[in-house]
Protein backbone atom coordinates (compact mmCIF):
# COMPACT_ATOMS: atom_id res chain seq x y z
CA MET A 1 -25.71 70.44 28.47
CA LYS A 2 -28.00 68.25 26.46
CA ALA A 3 -24.90 66.27 25.51
CA ARG A 4 -24.13 65.72 29.19
CA PHE A 5 -27.58 64.30 29.85
CA LEU A 6 -27.36 62.15 26.72
CA PHE A 7 -23.98 60.83 27.84
CA THR A 8 -25.48 59.99 31.25
CA VAL A 9 -28.34 58.07 29.65
CA ILE A 10 -26.06 56.17 27.25
CA THR A 11 -23.69 55.29 30.07
CA THR A 12 -26.58 54.10 32.24
CA LEU A 13 -27.95 51.93 29.46
CA PHE A 14 -24.53 50.42 28.84
CA VAL A 15 -24.08 49.59 32.52
CA LEU A 16 -27.57 48.12 32.70
CA THR A 17 -27.00 45.99 29.62
CA THR A 18 -23.71 44.70 31.00
CA ASN A 19 -25.08 43.99 34.48
CA PHE A 20 -28.30 42.36 33.33
CA ALA A 21 -26.46 40.18 30.84
CA GLN A 22 -24.84 38.58 33.89
CA GLU A 23 -27.85 38.56 36.23
CA LYS A 24 -31.24 36.92 35.92
CA LEU A 25 -34.10 39.32 35.29
CA HIS A 26 -37.09 39.21 37.63
CA CYS A 27 -40.58 40.40 36.75
CA PRO A 28 -44.09 39.62 38.06
CA PRO A 29 -45.79 36.30 37.20
CA SER A 30 -48.38 38.24 35.20
CA GLU A 31 -45.59 39.38 32.84
CA CYS A 32 -42.93 36.66 32.92
CA GLU A 33 -43.01 32.90 32.63
CA PHE A 34 -40.60 30.08 33.37
CA GLN A 35 -39.15 28.68 30.17
CA PRO A 36 -38.53 25.01 29.25
CA GLY A 37 -35.14 24.00 30.61
CA ASP A 38 -35.16 26.56 33.45
CA GLN A 39 -34.10 25.40 36.89
CA ALA A 40 -36.45 26.63 39.62
CA TYR A 41 -36.40 26.19 43.38
CA ALA A 42 -39.10 25.31 45.89
CA PHE A 43 -39.98 28.51 47.75
CA GLY A 44 -41.93 26.89 50.57
CA HIS A 45 -41.94 23.80 52.76
CA LYS A 46 -43.84 20.69 51.59
CA ILE A 47 -44.62 22.01 48.11
CA LYS A 48 -46.75 19.41 46.40
CA LEU A 49 -45.69 17.80 43.14
CA ARG A 50 -49.00 16.61 41.66
CA THR A 51 -50.03 14.16 38.98
CA GLU A 52 -52.22 16.75 37.23
CA PRO A 53 -52.14 20.59 36.92
CA ASN A 54 -54.69 21.28 39.66
CA THR A 55 -54.97 21.47 43.46
CA THR A 56 -56.91 18.22 43.96
CA SER A 57 -54.95 15.53 42.10
CA SER A 58 -52.73 12.96 43.80
CA VAL A 59 -49.44 14.04 45.33
CA LEU A 60 -46.31 12.39 43.97
CA GLU A 61 -43.88 14.05 46.36
CA GLU A 62 -43.49 16.99 48.72
CA LEU A 63 -40.52 19.28 48.15
CA LYS A 64 -38.58 21.09 50.84
CA ILE A 65 -37.60 24.71 50.42
CA GLY A 66 -34.57 25.03 48.16
CA GLU A 67 -35.02 21.74 46.30
CA TRP A 68 -34.97 22.28 42.57
CA VAL A 69 -37.01 21.18 39.59
CA LYS A 70 -36.49 21.43 35.83
CA ILE A 71 -39.24 23.25 33.97
CA LEU A 72 -40.62 21.21 31.06
CA GLU A 73 -43.55 23.36 29.93
CA LYS A 74 -46.22 25.80 31.01
CA THR A 75 -49.76 24.42 31.09
CA PRO A 76 -52.95 26.36 30.20
CA PHE A 77 -54.20 25.84 33.77
CA SER A 78 -53.77 28.35 36.60
CA TRP A 79 -54.81 29.13 40.14
CA PRO A 80 -55.04 32.43 42.09
CA TYR A 81 -52.11 32.66 44.47
CA LYS A 82 -50.65 35.58 46.45
CA GLY A 83 -52.49 38.16 44.35
CA PHE A 84 -51.54 36.71 40.95
CA ASP A 85 -53.13 34.27 38.55
CA SER A 86 -50.40 31.63 38.74
CA PRO A 87 -49.98 28.96 36.03
CA PHE A 88 -49.17 25.32 36.68
CA TYR A 89 -45.93 24.03 35.20
CA LYS A 90 -45.00 20.55 34.14
CA VAL A 91 -41.68 19.79 35.81
CA LYS A 92 -39.08 17.10 36.31
CA TYR A 93 -38.02 16.28 39.86
CA ASN A 94 -35.81 13.45 41.08
CA GLY A 95 -36.75 11.22 38.15
CA MET A 96 -40.48 12.00 38.43
CA THR A 97 -42.64 14.15 36.17
CA GLY A 98 -45.48 16.15 37.70
CA TYR A 99 -47.04 19.58 38.09
CA ILE A 100 -46.34 22.50 40.43
CA LEU A 101 -47.96 25.91 40.80
CA GLY A 102 -45.57 28.56 39.47
CA GLY A 103 -46.14 30.90 42.41
CA LEU A 104 -44.52 28.32 44.69
CA LEU A 105 -41.23 28.41 42.80
CA SER A 106 -38.23 30.72 43.06
CA ALA A 107 -36.60 31.72 39.77
CA GLU A 108 -33.15 31.62 41.32
CA ARG A 109 -31.06 31.00 44.39
CA LYS A 110 -28.60 33.53 45.78
CA THR A 111 -25.91 32.72 48.34
CA VAL A 112 -24.48 35.24 50.81
CA ALA A 113 -21.97 34.20 53.47
CA GLY A 114 -22.87 30.55 52.86
CA GLN A 115 -26.61 31.20 53.34
CA ASN A 116 -29.07 30.45 50.48
CA TYR A 117 -31.94 32.83 49.68
CA PHE A 118 -35.03 32.26 47.53
CA PHE A 119 -37.52 34.72 46.03
CA ALA A 120 -41.20 34.98 45.08
CA TYR A 121 -43.69 37.76 44.35
CA SER A 122 -46.91 38.67 46.11
CA ARG A 123 -49.44 41.43 45.51
CA GLU A 124 -51.84 43.26 47.81
CA GLY A 125 -54.10 45.63 45.94
CA GLU A 126 -51.85 47.82 43.79
CA ASN A 127 -48.75 47.06 45.86
CA ILE A 128 -46.23 44.42 44.73
CA PHE A 129 -43.82 42.75 47.15
CA LEU A 130 -40.76 40.57 46.93
CA ASN A 131 -40.77 37.79 49.52
CA ILE A 132 -37.32 36.47 50.45
CA ARG A 133 -36.81 33.22 52.36
CA THR A 134 -33.88 31.37 53.85
CA VAL A 135 -33.57 28.25 56.01
CA VAL A 136 -32.16 28.61 59.51
CA HIS A 137 -31.90 25.57 61.81
CA GLY A 138 -34.45 23.58 59.82
CA SER A 139 -37.13 26.26 59.48
CA TYR A 140 -37.42 29.20 57.13
CA MET A 141 -37.28 32.91 57.83
CA GLU A 142 -38.99 35.40 55.53
CA LYS A 143 -38.43 39.06 54.64
CA LYS A 144 -41.16 40.95 52.77
CA VAL A 145 -39.99 43.92 50.72
CA SER A 146 -42.23 46.51 49.05
CA LEU A 147 -41.16 47.25 45.47
CA LYS A 148 -41.27 50.58 43.67
CA ASN A 149 -40.31 48.81 40.46
CA PRO A 150 -41.22 45.10 39.98
CA HIS A 151 -38.51 44.61 37.33
CA PHE A 152 -35.04 43.93 38.72
CA SER A 153 -32.07 41.65 39.12
CA ILE A 154 -30.61 40.48 42.43
CA ARG A 155 -26.92 40.90 43.17
CA THR A 156 -24.71 39.67 46.00
CA LEU A 157 -22.05 42.12 47.15
CA GLY A 158 -20.19 40.53 50.06
CA ASP A 159 -19.51 42.79 53.05
CA LYS A 160 -17.90 45.58 50.95
CA GLY A 161 -15.53 46.32 53.83
CA VAL A 162 -18.27 47.19 56.34
CA PRO A 163 -17.38 45.93 59.84
CA ASN A 164 -19.67 43.34 61.48
CA LEU A 165 -21.60 42.80 58.25
CA ASP A 166 -22.01 39.27 56.86
CA GLY A 167 -22.96 40.37 53.35
CA ILE A 168 -25.36 42.32 51.16
CA LEU A 169 -28.23 41.48 48.82
CA TYR A 170 -28.99 44.24 46.35
CA ILE A 171 -32.30 44.43 44.49
CA ASP A 172 -31.21 46.29 41.36
CA TYR A 173 -34.17 47.98 39.64
CA LEU A 174 -34.41 48.05 35.85
CA ALA A 175 -36.07 51.17 34.50
CA ASP A 176 -38.29 50.62 31.47
CA ALA A 177 -41.18 52.20 29.59
CA SER A 178 -43.59 51.51 32.44
CA ASN A 179 -41.35 52.59 35.33
CA ASP A 180 -38.48 55.09 35.44
CA GLU A 181 -37.20 54.09 38.90
CA ASP A 182 -33.66 52.79 38.35
CA GLY A 183 -32.34 52.67 41.91
CA GLY A 184 -32.56 49.69 44.21
CA ILE A 185 -32.82 48.25 47.70
CA TYR A 186 -29.91 47.25 49.92
CA LEU A 187 -30.53 44.36 52.31
CA PHE A 188 -27.79 43.88 54.91
CA LEU A 189 -27.23 40.38 56.28
CA ASN A 190 -26.74 40.33 60.03
CA HIS A 191 -26.57 36.90 61.74
CA PHE A 192 -29.08 35.28 59.30
CA ASN A 193 -31.39 38.31 59.52
CA LEU A 194 -31.93 40.44 56.41
CA CYS A 195 -32.18 44.05 57.47
CA GLN A 196 -33.58 46.49 54.91
CA ALA A 197 -30.88 49.12 55.13
CA ILE A 198 -32.31 51.60 52.64
CA GLU A 199 -33.99 52.05 49.28
CA LEU A 200 -32.04 54.42 47.04
CA SER A 201 -33.54 56.19 44.05
CA GLN A 202 -32.15 56.93 40.58
CA ILE A 203 -34.38 58.71 38.08
CA THR A 204 -33.35 60.36 34.82
CA ASP A 205 -35.54 62.45 32.53
CA ALA A 206 -33.15 62.86 29.60
CA GLY A 207 -32.33 66.47 28.90
CA VAL A 208 -34.41 67.82 31.77
CA TYR A 209 -33.74 66.34 35.20
CA TYR A 210 -31.88 63.66 37.12
CA HIS A 211 -31.90 62.48 40.74
CA SER A 212 -29.31 59.98 41.93
CA GLU A 213 -28.68 58.39 45.33
CA LYS A 214 -25.89 55.90 45.98
CA PHE A 215 -23.78 54.26 48.64
CA ILE A 216 -20.00 54.37 48.54
CA PHE A 217 -18.68 51.48 50.62
CA PRO A 218 -15.24 51.22 52.27
CA ASP A 219 -14.02 48.91 49.48
CA ASP A 220 -15.20 51.28 46.74
CA LYS A 221 -13.12 54.04 45.18
CA GLY A 222 -13.48 57.08 47.43
CA GLY A 223 -14.73 54.91 50.30
CA ILE A 224 -14.16 55.74 53.97
CA PRO A 225 -12.70 52.97 56.18
CA ASN A 226 -15.39 51.25 58.31
CA LYS A 227 -18.10 53.68 57.12
CA VAL A 228 -20.79 53.90 54.43
CA LEU A 229 -20.88 57.17 52.52
CA TYR A 230 -24.29 58.26 51.25
CA LYS A 231 -24.27 60.59 48.24
CA MET A 232 -27.26 62.28 46.65
CA GLU A 233 -27.01 64.40 43.51
CA LYS A 234 -29.71 66.37 41.71
CA GLY A 235 -29.54 68.18 38.42
CA LYS A 236 -32.05 70.29 36.50
CA ASN A 237 -31.58 71.71 33.02
CA LEU A 238 -33.03 75.22 33.16
CA ASP A 239 -32.06 76.29 29.64
CA VAL A 240 -30.43 74.15 26.94
CA ALA A 241 -29.34 77.03 24.72
CA THR A 242 -27.26 78.70 27.43
CA GLN A 243 -26.25 75.46 29.14
CA TRP A 244 -27.89 76.58 32.36
CA LEU A 245 -27.75 73.59 34.73
CA GLN A 246 -28.72 73.72 38.38
CA THR A 247 -27.15 70.97 40.53
CA SER A 248 -26.88 70.08 44.19
CA VAL A 249 -24.91 67.42 46.07
CA GLU A 250 -25.54 66.05 49.56
CA THR A 251 -23.33 63.56 51.42
CA ARG A 252 -23.55 61.91 54.81
CA ILE A 253 -21.37 59.40 56.66
CA LEU A 254 -23.25 56.36 57.99
CA THR A 255 -22.27 53.68 60.50
CA TRP A 256 -23.43 50.06 60.63
CA THR A 257 -23.95 49.14 64.31
CA ASP A 258 -26.08 46.45 66.00
CA GLY A 259 -28.02 45.63 62.84
CA THR A 260 -28.82 49.27 62.01
CA LEU A 261 -27.40 51.74 59.52
CA SER A 262 -27.43 55.16 61.15
CA PRO A 263 -28.20 58.00 61.12
CA ASN A 264 -31.41 57.60 59.10
CA ILE A 265 -30.87 59.56 55.90
CA ARG A 266 -34.63 60.09 55.56
CA GLU A 267 -34.68 61.99 58.83
CA LYS A 268 -33.15 65.46 58.84
């Protein structure tokens, strides 16, 4: 039974390595920095490109949300912003060189159903959030998502065969030494609105315990036409020597209607 758990862990690590090699890793500003040569995107409207790395110097230009800059270098200067001590970066924009606060920049742009989305962190006390913005009819809309694990990649999944769904953004957690949550958050796109469908959990304690939740969409193997299948599996190793494993499986068929995925799997 130990071999089964070890196989699960190795498989998970392989999948993570493969997925994250293709996707950009996200982590809080206190842990990660933009690197020289990175392309970053304005997260807000009228972001100021300044002549010096501070909040009082002259403004060279104001950037609209989604406009991009090239990172040249991180400066030793910072400013408190959205719960983090955010550094100023020297950047290149439209032929000009100036400085922008890192907290005002999105590390990447994701596109779902022709709509662009941008991302930035915020923190309130011990809670860390991912703020997601998109532009609709000249102004931006924002979705604020609480994170169980601040280390993740962001994937776009299309509609996966779900009727009346424009597309899906998936916040794919990366378990590490500081956080064993390896699940993620599904955000369903419905007429420009991002609806937080559900946060699913995946936790593995090698050789002892695992808990796995997942969605099986209509386009997936084993999928049900026009429905979303929720599957939860638990396993507990009671005795390695005798291969005594206790498992349970729970499934439920869900329907996406009028911007809601129902029934609520958290309500029995």
